[in-house]
Amino acid sequence: MAGGASPTFGGGATFESDMPAGAGGGAGATFESDAVAEGRPAGLGAGQVVGAVIDQVPLIDADTAKLLAGTSKFVLQQDIKWVETATLGCIPQKNRYRVIDPISERVVMIVQEESNDFVRCFAKPFHSLLLNIHRTDDGEKLGAQVMTMEREGCCSKFFLGKCFACGPGCQDGMVLHAGTVQGKPGEIPKSQAIAHSKVPKWGGGLHPTLQVMDRGVSNVEEPYAVVRGPTFFGGCTELFCKKDFSVSKVPASWKPGKYKDLHVGDAATITKKKPQSFTGAMKQLFTDADTYFVEFKDPSMTPQQKAAMLGSMLLLDYSAKLHLPSPALQLPTPGFRLPSPDSRLSARAPVCNLTPCGPLPQVD
């Protein structure tokens, strides 16, 4: 609310579940562990911060919850796929990401895409997929799968990415599940859902926008956070400028679409980093491997709400990459743009996120 006090997250109090209401402790509780034996304050897990809150209804495993509760920032780095790079995107590969703790520089999670080869070849980046999120101890070997991100896309959402988000068939979104789930994206039961996000109807104007909500998809959807990106991004601007996506808390009195009433970035900031070296610049020009940095600013965010931010970042990496079937269909934009695997027959995302059909679809 403009000029008013900034709202706080409910510490998971708004989560609904079939689990007992008291499971895992109440909002604001701290982790119990062998803290005393290890010389840490009581209630504090290894590597965790004092007063870290947990979810009222915990759905993710305890180790992952401790990891997320104790972090205030992390880096999401996409791996380079050399076959895709060498063929200029004609043979698109499954994406793979690393979640890095920037303080210890340790890889803490690995994200592996699961998708249909045929659909991915002709519809990337708007294809249906599952992203399997694993813990890792050495940064290479996959550990236990702790979460799964579900994204329904082409072909069940044929108009995804082709026009304004005027209805369910062209609204992008994701559902984040605890543990392992299987099935066709869009048809997976929501019993393990942690949170979901989607592009609001009619998008967010000239800004990529996501609304983040608790648990599974329902008829009544009240976002607790809104992710908003810049109007101009992509193309040669990515070589020289970082791009910030603000995560803002949503007050109870907020009316959808009134983005000016939000305190911009009071929950977190997601930054698409610019290249720091010549090698990084070449990587930016010739591949679709991006790096994102997220910093959480609200201490009341719970582990599952932080996990929802990770899922939203992953969705943004797909949704914010414009794919047009031919360079002739792109709006004229300044700057020299080279072909890349991200766009196959077209040049990389133009400087402006406007398309011939309107703004780039928004992610909520």
Protein backbone atom coordinates (compact mmCIF):
# COMPACT_ATOMS: atom_id res chain seq x y z
CA MET A 1 0.00 0.00 0.00
CA ALA A 2 1.48 3.28 -1.08
CA GLY A 3 2.81 5.18 1.87
CA GLY A 4 1.60 2.55 4.35
CA ALA A 5 3.32 -0.12 6.36
CA SER A 6 4.76 -2.97 4.38
CA PRO A 7 2.93 -6.26 4.89
CA THR A 8 4.70 -9.36 6.14
CA PHE A 9 4.42 -12.93 4.97
CA GLY A 10 2.32 -15.18 7.10
CA GLY A 11 5.14 -17.60 7.82
CA GLY A 12 3.19 -20.36 6.11
CA ALA A 13 0.02 -19.70 8.07
CA THR A 14 -2.01 -19.45 4.88
CA PHE A 15 -1.01 -22.92 3.68
CA GLU A 16 -3.78 -25.54 3.51
CA SER A 17 -3.05 -29.23 3.81
CA ASP A 18 -4.43 -32.62 4.70
CA MET A 19 -1.77 -32.81 7.39
CA PRO A 20 -2.61 -32.00 11.02
CA ALA A 21 -2.72 -28.29 11.65
CA GLY A 22 0.04 -28.49 14.25
CA ALA A 23 2.44 -30.57 12.19
CA GLY A 24 5.96 -29.23 12.24
CA GLY A 25 5.29 -26.38 14.65
CA GLY A 26 3.68 -22.99 14.19
CA ALA A 27 4.68 -19.99 12.17
CA GLY A 28 7.90 -18.46 13.33
CA ALA A 29 9.19 -21.62 15.04
CA THR A 30 12.90 -22.44 14.75
CA PHE A 31 14.55 -25.70 13.76
CA GLU A 32 15.41 -28.18 16.51
CA SER A 33 18.60 -30.17 15.99
CA ASP A 34 21.78 -31.24 17.74
CA ALA A 35 22.61 -27.58 18.17
CA VAL A 36 23.68 -27.74 21.80
CA ALA A 37 26.02 -30.67 21.17
CA GLU A 38 27.61 -28.77 18.29
CA GLY A 39 27.96 -25.54 20.24
CA ARG A 40 25.19 -23.67 18.42
CA PRO A 41 22.22 -21.88 20.01
CA ALA A 42 19.31 -24.17 20.77
CA GLY A 43 16.85 -24.47 17.89
CA LEU A 44 19.46 -23.69 15.25
CA GLY A 45 20.41 -26.16 12.51
CA ALA A 46 23.88 -26.48 11.06
CA GLY A 47 24.64 -23.42 8.97
CA GLN A 48 21.29 -21.83 9.85
CA VAL A 49 20.56 -18.34 11.07
CA VAL A 50 19.15 -17.46 14.46
CA GLY A 51 15.38 -17.04 14.39
CA ALA A 52 14.89 -18.75 11.01
CA VAL A 53 11.18 -19.37 10.51
CA ILE A 54 9.65 -22.60 9.28
CA ASP A 55 6.39 -23.36 7.53
CA GLN A 56 3.34 -24.03 9.65
CA VAL A 57 2.55 -27.00 7.41
CA PRO A 58 5.93 -28.36 6.22
CA LEU A 59 5.79 -30.26 2.94
CA ILE A 60 9.44 -30.34 1.90
CA ASP A 61 11.94 -32.54 3.73
CA ALA A 62 13.67 -31.24 6.84
CA ASP A 63 17.17 -31.01 5.32
CA THR A 64 15.97 -28.91 2.38
CA ALA A 65 13.90 -26.73 4.71
CA LYS A 66 16.99 -26.10 6.85
CA LEU A 67 19.04 -25.22 3.78
CA LEU A 68 16.48 -22.72 2.51
CA ALA A 69 15.79 -21.24 5.94
CA GLY A 70 19.45 -20.47 6.43
CA THR A 71 20.09 -18.72 3.13
CA SER A 72 19.44 -15.11 2.24
CA LYS A 73 20.74 -15.39 -1.32
CA PHE A 74 21.61 -17.92 -3.97
CA VAL A 75 22.71 -18.12 -7.61
CA LEU A 76 20.91 -20.06 -10.35
CA GLN A 77 23.32 -20.96 -13.16
CA GLN A 78 22.31 -22.73 -16.36
CA ASP A 79 24.73 -25.24 -17.90
CA ILE A 80 25.89 -24.86 -21.50
CA LYS A 81 24.65 -27.56 -23.87
CA TRP A 82 27.35 -27.91 -26.51
CA VAL A 83 25.30 -29.94 -29.01
CA GLU A 84 22.63 -27.24 -28.95
CA THR A 85 25.27 -24.53 -29.28
CA ALA A 86 27.05 -26.22 -32.19
CA THR A 87 23.80 -26.69 -34.12
CA LEU A 88 22.58 -23.12 -33.42
CA GLY A 89 19.67 -24.57 -31.50
CA CYS A 90 18.46 -26.96 -34.18
CA ILE A 91 18.87 -29.81 -31.69
CA PRO A 92 17.65 -28.32 -28.40
CA GLN A 93 18.80 -30.20 -25.31
CA LYS A 94 17.22 -30.58 -21.91
CA ASN A 95 18.18 -27.71 -19.63
CA ARG A 96 20.25 -28.28 -16.51
CA TYR A 97 20.82 -25.79 -13.72
CA ARG A 98 22.96 -25.48 -10.62
CA VAL A 99 21.79 -23.72 -7.46
CA ILE A 100 24.86 -22.21 -5.79
CA ASP A 101 25.43 -20.74 -2.34
CA PRO A 102 27.36 -17.57 -3.25
CA ILE A 103 29.00 -17.34 0.19
CA SER A 104 30.54 -20.80 0.25
CA GLU A 105 30.51 -21.09 -3.58
CA ARG A 106 29.13 -24.60 -3.12
CA VAL A 107 26.57 -26.19 -5.43
CA VAL A 108 23.68 -27.19 -3.19
CA MET A 109 21.07 -28.31 -5.74
CA ILE A 110 20.97 -29.53 -9.33
CA VAL A 111 17.91 -29.06 -11.54
CA GLN A 112 17.38 -31.43 -14.45
CA GLU A 113 14.71 -30.99 -17.15
CA GLU A 114 12.45 -33.86 -18.15
CA SER A 115 10.54 -33.28 -21.40
CA ASN A 116 9.44 -34.87 -24.67
CA ASP A 117 12.21 -34.69 -27.29
CA PHE A 118 9.88 -34.10 -30.24
CA VAL A 119 7.85 -31.34 -28.57
CA ARG A 120 10.98 -29.67 -27.20
CA CYS A 121 12.56 -29.63 -30.67
CA PHE A 122 9.67 -27.71 -32.22
CA ALA A 123 8.26 -25.72 -29.31
CA LYS A 124 11.14 -24.73 -27.00
CA PRO A 125 10.99 -22.64 -24.82
CA PHE A 126 7.18 -23.00 -24.58
CA HIS A 127 7.07 -26.79 -24.24
CA SER A 128 5.60 -28.79 -21.37
CA LEU A 129 8.18 -30.05 -18.90
CA LEU A 130 9.07 -31.23 -15.44
CA LEU A 131 12.12 -29.87 -13.64
CA ASN A 132 13.49 -32.37 -11.13
CA ILE A 133 15.27 -30.60 -8.28
CA HIS A 134 17.90 -32.68 -6.48
CA ARG A 135 20.13 -32.09 -3.51
CA THR A 136 23.83 -32.65 -4.16
CA ASP A 137 26.87 -33.07 -1.96
CA ASP A 138 29.65 -32.77 -4.53
CA GLY A 139 28.05 -30.47 -7.12
CA GLU A 140 27.93 -33.19 -9.78
CA LYS A 141 26.25 -36.33 -8.49
CA LEU A 142 22.48 -36.16 -8.12
CA GLY A 143 21.23 -36.78 -4.60
CA ALA A 144 17.67 -37.24 -3.43
CA GLN A 145 14.99 -35.48 -5.47
CA VAL A 146 13.48 -32.92 -3.09
CA MET A 147 11.12 -30.96 -5.36
CA THR A 148 9.57 -31.06 -8.83
CA MET A 149 8.50 -28.07 -10.91
CA GLU A 150 5.63 -28.75 -13.32
CA ARG A 151 5.08 -26.47 -16.31
CA GLU A 152 2.21 -27.10 -18.73
CA GLY A 153 2.99 -25.74 -22.17
CA CYS A 154 2.76 -26.75 -25.80
CA CYS A 155 0.91 -28.61 -27.11
CA SER A 156 -1.94 -28.46 -24.57
CA LYS A 157 -1.38 -24.68 -24.42
CA PHE A 158 -1.00 -24.06 -28.12
CA PHE A 159 -1.11 -20.24 -27.92
CA LEU A 160 1.42 -19.94 -25.11
CA GLY A 161 3.86 -17.16 -25.96
CA LYS A 162 1.97 -16.09 -29.08
CA CYS A 163 -0.32 -13.36 -27.73
CA PHE A 164 -1.55 -11.52 -24.65
CA ALA A 165 -2.33 -13.81 -21.71
CA CYS A 166 -6.06 -13.56 -22.46
CA GLY A 167 -7.05 -16.94 -21.03
CA PRO A 168 -5.85 -20.24 -19.57
CA GLY A 169 -4.67 -21.46 -22.98
CA CYS A 170 -2.02 -18.74 -23.22
CA GLN A 171 -1.22 -18.03 -19.56
CA ASP A 172 2.14 -19.43 -18.55
CA GLY A 173 2.64 -20.86 -15.08
CA MET A 174 4.17 -23.52 -12.90
CA VAL A 175 3.30 -25.72 -9.94
CA LEU A 176 6.03 -26.63 -7.45
CA HIS A 177 5.62 -30.04 -5.80
CA ALA A 178 7.42 -31.51 -2.81
CA GLY A 179 9.42 -34.63 -3.58
CA THR A 180 8.97 -36.64 -6.77
CA VAL A 181 5.85 -36.55 -8.94
CA GLN A 182 5.16 -38.25 -12.25
CA GLY A 183 2.64 -37.77 -15.00
CA LYS A 184 1.74 -35.47 -17.85
CA PRO A 185 2.27 -31.77 -17.06
CA GLY A 186 -1.08 -30.16 -16.41
CA GLU A 187 -2.67 -33.39 -15.18
CA ILE A 188 -0.55 -34.16 -12.10
CA PRO A 189 -2.49 -34.24 -8.77
CA LYS A 190 -1.79 -31.27 -6.50
CA SER A 191 -1.66 -33.17 -3.21
CA GLN A 192 2.10 -32.49 -2.88
CA ALA A 193 1.98 -28.92 -4.22
CA ILE A 194 4.01 -26.34 -2.29
CA ALA A 195 3.09 -23.30 -4.35
CA HIS A 196 2.21 -22.20 -7.86
CA SER A 197 2.70 -19.14 -9.98
CA LYS A 198 1.29 -17.92 -13.25
CA VAL A 199 1.00 -14.97 -15.57
CA PRO A 200 -2.01 -12.83 -14.61
CA LYS A 201 -4.81 -12.53 -17.13
CA TRP A 202 -3.95 -9.94 -19.79
CA GLY A 203 -0.38 -10.06 -18.54
CA GLY A 204 1.31 -7.28 -16.64
CA GLY A 205 1.38 -4.57 -19.25
CA LEU A 206 4.89 -4.00 -20.56
CA HIS A 207 6.53 -5.84 -17.67
CA PRO A 208 7.02 -9.63 -17.40
CA THR A 209 4.85 -10.41 -14.36
CA LEU A 210 4.26 -13.46 -12.17
CA GLN A 211 1.84 -13.86 -9.30
CA VAL A 212 3.03 -16.37 -6.70
CA MET A 213 0.44 -18.29 -4.68
CA ASP A 214 0.38 -20.93 -1.95
CA ARG A 215 -0.23 -24.60 -2.62
CA GLY A 216 -2.14 -26.04 -5.58
CA VAL A 217 -4.27 -24.39 -8.21
CA SER A 218 -7.80 -23.47 -7.05
CA ASN A 219 -10.71 -21.38 -8.26
CA VAL A 220 -9.89 -18.62 -5.76
CA GLU A 221 -6.27 -17.57 -6.15
CA GLU A 222 -4.84 -14.91 -3.85
CA PRO A 223 -1.17 -14.12 -4.55
CA TYR A 224 1.15 -13.45 -1.65
CA ALA A 225 3.90 -12.07 -3.90
CA VAL A 226 4.28 -10.52 -7.34
CA VAL A 227 7.38 -10.81 -9.53
CA ARG A 228 7.83 -7.93 -12.01
CA GLY A 229 10.57 -7.61 -14.58
CA PRO A 230 11.93 -4.75 -16.70
CA THR A 231 10.26 -3.55 -19.89
CA PHE A 232 13.46 -3.72 -21.91
CA PHE A 233 15.71 -6.75 -21.86
CA GLY A 234 17.38 -9.24 -24.17
CA GLY A 235 19.52 -8.59 -27.22
CA CYS A 236 22.73 -6.61 -26.83
CA THR A 237 21.47 -5.01 -23.62
CA GLU A 238 22.30 -8.26 -21.81
CA LEU A 239 25.98 -7.69 -22.55
CA PHE A 240 26.15 -4.41 -20.68
CA CYS A 241 23.27 -4.22 -18.21
CA LYS A 242 22.01 -6.36 -15.40
CA LYS A 243 18.24 -6.91 -15.33
CA ASP A 244 16.33 -6.77 -12.06
CA PHE A 245 13.07 -8.61 -11.37
CA SER A 246 11.49 -7.29 -8.19
CA VAL A 247 9.54 -9.55 -5.82
CA SER A 248 6.95 -7.56 -3.87
CA LYS A 249 4.72 -8.63 -1.01
CA VAL A 250 0.99 -8.36 -1.59
CA PRO A 251 -1.12 -6.70 1.13
CA ALA A 252 -4.57 -8.05 1.96
CA SER A 253 -6.27 -4.98 0.47
CA TRP A 254 -4.40 -5.18 -2.84
CA LYS A 255 -6.46 -5.13 -6.04
CA PRO A 256 -5.04 -7.15 -8.94
CA GLY A 257 -3.36 -4.91 -11.50
CA LYS A 258 -2.61 -2.08 -9.04
CA TYR A 259 1.13 -2.65 -9.18
CA LYS A 260 1.96 0.91 -8.17
CA ASP A 261 0.50 0.18 -4.74
CA LEU A 262 3.16 -2.43 -4.03
CA HIS A 263 6.46 -1.78 -2.27
CA VAL A 264 8.76 -2.73 -5.14
CA GLY A 265 11.30 -5.40 -4.21
CA ASP A 266 10.46 -5.50 -0.50
CA ALA A 267 10.42 -9.33 -0.47
CA ALA A 268 13.31 -10.20 -2.78
CA THR A 269 15.21 -9.19 -5.89
CA ILE A 270 16.04 -11.50 -8.80
CA THR A 271 18.87 -10.21 -10.97
CA LYS A 272 19.90 -11.53 -14.37
CA LYS A 273 23.62 -10.89 -14.24
CA LYS A 274 25.60 -9.31 -17.06
CA PRO A 275 28.82 -10.97 -18.29
CA GLN A 276 31.87 -10.25 -16.16
CA SER A 277 34.48 -11.26 -18.75
CA PHE A 278 35.08 -11.76 -22.47
CA THR A 279 34.32 -15.46 -22.05
CA GLY A 280 31.07 -14.57 -20.35
CA ALA A 281 30.17 -12.21 -23.19
CA MET A 282 30.76 -14.97 -25.77
CA LYS A 283 28.63 -17.31 -23.70
CA GLN A 284 25.86 -14.71 -23.65
CA LEU A 285 26.04 -14.18 -27.41
CA PHE A 286 26.17 -17.77 -28.58
CA THR A 287 24.28 -19.78 -25.94
CA ASP A 288 21.10 -19.51 -23.90
CA ALA A 289 22.88 -20.31 -20.61
CA ASP A 290 21.97 -17.52 -18.20
CA THR A 291 22.86 -16.73 -14.60
CA TYR A 292 20.41 -15.34 -12.03
CA PHE A 293 21.05 -14.02 -8.55
CA VAL A 294 18.32 -13.86 -5.92
CA GLU A 295 18.51 -11.99 -2.63
CA PHE A 296 15.78 -12.39 -0.01
CA LYS A 297 15.06 -9.19 1.89
CA ASP A 298 12.11 -10.21 4.07
CA PRO A 299 13.17 -12.27 7.13
CA SER A 300 9.61 -13.58 7.52
CA MET A 301 9.83 -15.66 4.32
CA THR A 302 9.56 -19.38 5.04
CA PRO A 303 11.57 -22.15 3.35
CA GLN A 304 8.64 -23.11 1.12
CA GLN A 305 8.12 -19.50 0.06
CA LYS A 306 11.81 -19.31 -0.84
CA ALA A 307 11.39 -22.56 -2.78
CA ALA A 308 8.50 -20.91 -4.65
CA MET A 309 10.89 -18.11 -5.65
CA LEU A 310 13.29 -20.71 -7.03
CA GLY A 311 10.46 -22.27 -9.05
CA SER A 312 9.45 -18.84 -10.34
CA MET A 313 13.03 -18.10 -11.39
CA LEU A 314 13.13 -21.33 -13.36
CA LEU A 315 9.86 -20.49 -15.06
CA LEU A 316 11.12 -17.01 -15.91
CA ASP A 317 14.16 -18.51 -17.61
CA TYR A 318 11.83 -20.23 -20.07
CA SER A 319 9.10 -17.59 -20.35
CA ALA A 320 11.36 -14.57 -20.69
CA LYS A 321 13.11 -16.01 -23.72
CA LEU A 322 11.30 -14.80 -26.79
CA HIS A 323 11.01 -17.33 -29.61
CA LEU A 324 9.75 -16.22 -32.99
CA PRO A 325 9.61 -18.48 -36.04
CA SER A 326 11.35 -16.06 -38.36
CA PRO A 327 13.53 -12.92 -38.12
CA ALA A 328 11.04 -11.23 -40.45
CA LEU A 329 8.41 -11.37 -37.69
CA GLN A 330 10.55 -9.52 -35.17
CA LEU A 331 10.12 -5.86 -34.53
CA PRO A 332 13.11 -3.79 -35.67
CA THR A 333 15.46 -3.20 -32.75
CA PRO A 334 18.81 -1.46 -32.54
CA GLY A 335 22.06 -3.28 -32.00
CA PHE A 336 23.91 -6.15 -33.60
CA ARG A 337 22.36 -9.50 -32.71
CA LEU A 338 23.81 -12.89 -33.42
CA PRO A 339 21.91 -16.16 -33.80
CA SER A 340 21.84 -18.33 -30.71
CA PRO A 341 20.49 -21.72 -29.63
CA ASP A 342 17.83 -19.90 -27.69
CA SER A 343 15.99 -18.79 -30.80
CA ARG A 344 17.11 -21.21 -33.53
CA LEU A 345 15.89 -19.60 -36.80
CA SER A 346 15.52 -16.15 -35.28
CA ALA A 347 18.03 -13.87 -33.65
CA ARG A 348 18.23 -13.80 -29.89
CA ALA A 349 15.50 -12.02 -27.91
CA PRO A 350 15.20 -8.46 -29.20
CA VAL A 351 15.98 -5.45 -27.06
CA CYS A 352 12.29 -4.77 -26.44
CA ASN A 353 10.00 -7.48 -25.12
CA LEU A 354 7.16 -6.40 -27.41
CA THR A 355 6.11 -8.93 -30.03
CA PRO A 356 3.83 -8.52 -33.08
CA CYS A 357 1.01 -9.86 -30.89
CA GLY A 358 1.64 -7.65 -27.87
CA PRO A 359 3.73 -7.78 -24.70
CA LEU A 360 5.72 -10.83 -23.76
CA PRO A 361 3.42 -13.10 -21.72
CA GLN A 362 3.71 -12.45 -18.02
CA VAL A 363 4.73 -14.98 -15.39
CA ASP A 364 3.07 -14.96 -12.00
